[in-house]
C-alpha atoms as a PDB file:
ATOM      1  CA  MET A   1       6.572  81.093  30.792  1.00  0.00           C
ATOM      2  CA  THR A   2       9.507  83.584  30.014  1.00  0.00           C
ATOM      3  CA  GLY A   3      12.306  84.922  32.014  1.00  0.00           C
ATOM      4  CA  SER A   4      10.587  87.870  32.374  1.00  0.00           C
ATOM      5  CA  TRP A   5       8.128  86.207  34.557  1.00  0.00           C
ATOM      6  CA  VAL A   6      10.447  84.815  36.745  1.00  0.00           C
ATOM      7  CA  ARG A   7      12.672  88.173  36.887  1.00  0.00           C
ATOM      8  CA  ARG A   8       9.614  89.904  38.069  1.00  0.00           C
ATOM      9  CA  ARG A   9       8.274  87.345  40.876  1.00  0.00           C
ATOM     10  CA  TRP A  10      12.136  88.065  41.882  1.00  0.00           C
ATOM     11  CA  LEU A  11      11.661  91.403  42.188  1.00  0.00           C
ATOM     12  CA  ASP A  12       8.499  90.975  43.756  1.00  0.00           C
ATOM     13  CA  PHE A  13      10.089  88.249  46.447  1.00  0.00           C
ATOM     14  CA  ARG A  14      13.151  91.030  46.846  1.00  0.00           C
ATOM     15  CA  MET A  15      10.546  93.913  47.651  1.00  0.00           C
ATOM     16  CA  GLY A  16       8.478  92.368  49.965  1.00  0.00           C
ATOM     17  CA  HIS A  17      11.253  90.829  51.823  1.00  0.00           C
ATOM     18  CA  SER A  18      13.158  93.545  52.135  1.00  0.00           C
ATOM     19  CA  ILE A  19      11.083  96.468  52.362  1.00  0.00           C
ATOM     20  CA  TYR A  20       7.994  95.078  54.158  1.00  0.00           C
ATOM     21  CA  LEU A  21       8.951  91.555  56.297  1.00  0.00           C
ATOM     22  CA  ILE A  22      12.705  92.077  56.937  1.00  0.00           C
ATOM     23  CA  PHE A  23      11.520  95.468  58.077  1.00  0.00           C
ATOM     24  CA  LEU A  24       8.803  94.219  60.507  1.00  0.00           C
ATOM     25  CA  MET A  25      11.588  91.711  61.917  1.00  0.00           C
ATOM     26  CA  SER A  26      14.232  94.321  62.040  1.00  0.00           C
ATOM     27  CA  PHE A  27      11.794  96.561  63.873  1.00  0.00           C
ATOM     28  CA  ALA A  28      11.068  94.003  66.623  1.00  0.00           C
ATOM     29  CA  ASN A  29      14.463  92.748  66.660  1.00  0.00           C
ATOM     30  CA  PHE A  30      15.866  96.369  67.696  1.00  0.00           C
ATOM     31  CA  MET A  31      13.130  96.945  70.001  1.00  0.00           C
ATOM     32  CA  LEU A  32      14.045  93.772  72.059  1.00  0.00           C
ATOM     33  CA  ILE A  33      17.823  93.784  71.959  1.00  0.00           C
ATOM     34  CA  PHE A  34      17.353  97.969  72.986  1.00  0.00           C
ATOM     35  CA  HIS A  35      15.384  96.583  75.999  1.00  0.00           C
ATOM     36  CA  ARG A  36      17.525  93.734  76.831  1.00  0.00           C
ATOM     37  CA  LEU A  37      21.021  95.795  76.328  1.00  0.00           C
ATOM     38  CA  LEU A  38      19.678  99.344  77.891  1.00  0.00           C
ATOM     39  CA  ILE A  39      16.346  98.891  80.021  1.00  0.00           C
ATOM     40  CA  GLU A  40      17.239  95.473  81.926  1.00  0.00           C
ATOM     41  CA  ARG A  41      20.206  96.955  82.908  1.00  0.00           C
ATOM     42  CA  VAL A  42      19.872 100.484  84.224  1.00  0.00           C
ATOM     43  CA  GLU A  43      18.263  99.467  87.212  1.00  0.00           C
ATOM     44  CA  TRP A  44      16.092 102.508  87.182  1.00  0.00           C
ATOM     45  CA  LEU A  45      14.905 102.321  83.328  1.00  0.00           C
ATOM     46  CA  ASN A  46      14.255  98.668  84.593  1.00  0.00           C
ATOM     47  CA  ASN A  47      12.152  99.640  87.664  1.00  0.00           C
ATOM     48  CA  LEU A  48      10.349 102.251  85.077  1.00  0.00           C
ATOM     49  CA  LEU A  49       9.943  99.979  81.680  1.00  0.00           C
ATOM     50  CA  GLY A  50      10.984  96.479  82.899  1.00  0.00           C
ATOM     51  CA  GLU A  51       8.096  95.046  81.361  1.00  0.00           C
ATOM     52  CA  LEU A  52       8.823  94.385  77.471  1.00  0.00           C
ATOM     53  CA  TRP A  53       5.087  95.356  76.598  1.00  0.00           C
ATOM     54  CA  VAL A  54       5.136  98.645  78.633  1.00  0.00           C
ATOM     55  CA  PHE A  55       8.252  99.269  76.626  1.00  0.00           C
ATOM     56  CA  GLY A  56       7.146  98.318  73.132  1.00  0.00           C
ATOM     57  CA  ILE A  57       4.111 100.371  73.645  1.00  0.00           C
ATOM     58  CA  LEU A  58       6.199 103.494  75.083  1.00  0.00           C
ATOM     59  CA  PHE A  59       9.265 102.815  72.302  1.00  0.00           C
ATOM     60  CA  VAL A  60       6.458 102.924  69.332  1.00  0.00           C
ATOM     61  CA  PHE A  61       4.389 106.090  70.397  1.00  0.00           C
ATOM     62  CA  LEU A  62       7.863 107.933  70.498  1.00  0.00           C
ATOM     63  CA  TYR A  63       9.646 106.355  67.897  1.00  0.00           C
ATOM     64  CA  VAL A  64       7.159 106.441  65.039  1.00  0.00           C
ATOM     65  CA  PRO A  65       6.521 109.929  64.871  1.00  0.00           C
ATOM     66  CA  VAL A  66      10.519 110.348  64.900  1.00  0.00           C
ATOM     67  CA  ALA A  67      10.646 108.257  62.240  1.00  0.00           C
ATOM     68  CA  ILE A  68       7.712 109.904  60.059  1.00  0.00           C
ATOM     69  CA  ILE A  69       9.803 113.580  60.848  1.00  0.00           C
ATOM     70  CA  VAL A  70      12.981 111.949  59.619  1.00  0.00           C
ATOM     71  CA  GLY A  71      11.288 110.337  56.872  1.00  0.00           C
ATOM     72  CA  ALA A  72       9.528 113.586  55.675  1.00  0.00           C
ATOM     73  CA  TRP A  73      12.469 115.460  55.864  1.00  0.00           C
ATOM     74  CA  HIS A  74      13.996 112.468  53.364  1.00  0.00           C
ATOM     75  CA  ARG A  75      11.277 113.100  51.102  1.00  0.00           C
ATOM     76  CA  LYS A  76      11.361 116.840  50.675  1.00  0.00           C
ATOM     77  CA  THR A  77      15.566 116.865  50.882  1.00  0.00           C
ATOM     78  CA  GLN A  78      16.748 113.563  49.849  1.00  0.00           C
ATOM     79  CA  ILE A  79      15.000 112.339  47.293  1.00  0.00           C
ATOM     80  CA  LYS A  80      15.404 115.078  44.888  1.00  0.00           C
ATOM     81  CA  VAL A  81      19.329 113.854  44.559  1.00  0.00           C
ATOM     82  CA  GLU A  82      18.600 110.016  44.743  1.00  0.00           C
ATOM     83  CA  THR A  83      16.121 110.558  41.509  1.00  0.00           C
ATOM     84  CA  GLU A  84      18.552 112.750  39.688  1.00  0.00           C
ATOM     85  CA  ILE A  85      21.568 110.351  40.488  1.00  0.00           C
ATOM     86  CA  GLN A  86      19.131 107.566  39.368  1.00  0.00           C
ATOM     87  CA  MET A  87      18.310 109.310  36.146  1.00  0.00           C
ATOM     88  CA  LEU A  88      21.624 110.248  35.189  1.00  0.00           C
ATOM     89  CA  GLN A  89      22.468 106.678  35.234  1.00  0.00           C
ATOM     90  CA  SER A  90      19.513 105.421  33.446  1.00  0.00           C
ATOM     91  CA  PRO A  91      19.913 104.344  29.664  1.00  0.00           C
ATOM     92  CA  LEU A  92      16.311 104.777  29.257  1.00  0.00           C
ATOM     93  CA  HIS A  93      16.201 108.106  30.520  1.00  0.00           C
ATOM     94  CA  ALA A  94      19.561 109.036  28.437  1.00  0.00           C
ATOM     95  CA  LYS A  95      17.653 107.627  25.140  1.00  0.00           C
ATOM     96  CA  ILE A  96      14.324 109.615  25.717  1.00  0.00           C
ATOM     97  CA  PHE A  97      16.088 112.722  26.547  1.00  0.00           C
ATOM     98  CA  ARG A  98      18.312 112.388  23.587  1.00  0.00           C
ATOM     99  CA  ILE A  99      15.507 111.811  21.234  1.00  0.00           C
ATOM    100  CA  MET A 100      13.445 114.809  22.362  1.00  0.00           C
ATOM    101  CA  ILE A 101      16.665 116.875  21.788  1.00  0.00           C
ATOM    102  CA  ASP A 102      16.961 115.349  18.293  1.00  0.00           C
ATOM    103  CA  ILE A 103      13.425 116.114  17.553  1.00  0.00           C
ATOM    104  CA  GLN A 104      13.328 119.467  18.218  1.00  0.00           C
ATOM    105  CA  THR A 105      16.787 120.153  16.485  1.00  0.00           C
ATOM    106  CA  GLY A 106      15.212 118.003  13.371  1.00  0.00           C
ATOM    107  CA  LYS A 107      18.024 115.339  13.817  1.00  0.00           C
ATOM    108  CA  ALA A 108      15.504 112.539  14.764  1.00  0.00           C
ATOM    109  CA  THR A 109      14.460 110.066  12.060  1.00  0.00           C
ATOM    110  CA  PRO A 110      10.888 108.622  11.897  1.00  0.00           C
ATOM    111  CA  ASP A 111      11.851 105.154  13.181  1.00  0.00           C
ATOM    112  CA  GLU A 112      13.413 106.742  16.154  1.00  0.00           C
ATOM    113  CA  ILE A 113      10.637 109.075  16.906  1.00  0.00           C
ATOM    114  CA  GLU A 114       7.952 105.920  16.359  1.00  0.00           C
ATOM    115  CA  ALA A 115      10.373 103.777  18.781  1.00  0.00           C
ATOM    116  CA  LEU A 116      10.130 106.354  21.255  1.00  0.00           C
ATOM    117  CA  ARG A 117       6.513 106.398  21.153  1.00  0.00           C
ATOM    118  CA  ASN A 118       6.136 103.053  21.902  1.00  0.00           C
ATOM    119  CA  ILE A 119       8.483 103.121  24.539  1.00  0.00           C
ATOM    120  CA  LEU A 120       6.331 105.337  26.290  1.00  0.00           C
ATOM    121  CA  LYS A 121       3.363 104.046  25.502  1.00  0.00           C
ATOM    122  CA  GLY A 122       4.371 100.609  27.067  1.00  0.00           C
ATOM    123  CA  VAL A 123       5.394 102.389  30.381  1.00  0.00           C
ATOM    124  CA  GLU A 124       1.863 104.349  30.204  1.00  0.00           C
ATOM    125  CA  ASP A 125       0.123 101.045  29.873  1.00  0.00           C
ATOM    126  CA  LYS A 126       1.860  99.294  32.504  1.00  0.00           C
ATOM    127  CA  ALA A 127       0.747 102.202  34.612  1.00  0.00           C
ATOM    128  CA  LYS A 128      -2.777 101.639  34.371  1.00  0.00           C
END
């Protein structure tokens, strides 16, 4: 086993934990806290939505569409900014773009061109 295998499993664990499992747990926790601190303490809301399952169904039917709208807005407007920032901080992207410029201006060595091809080929092969 290599350190790379361990690091990949660590990444898989963090992604599964933070994106999926904790998301579901925090969503359920948010619903329970919201119900306890608002619905149960306001008499007319408690009379209307006192049962947790009724509140849960109504909450999901209202919250999920709002979250989808906010997520679509984020995807259409904010991801461009995030991607640009990530690309400006990535040594791999910097190397690729520098070698592309060097290729176009005739400054890249054959070894640099071949190394870049190997890097890009490795990325393509992993995507299959």
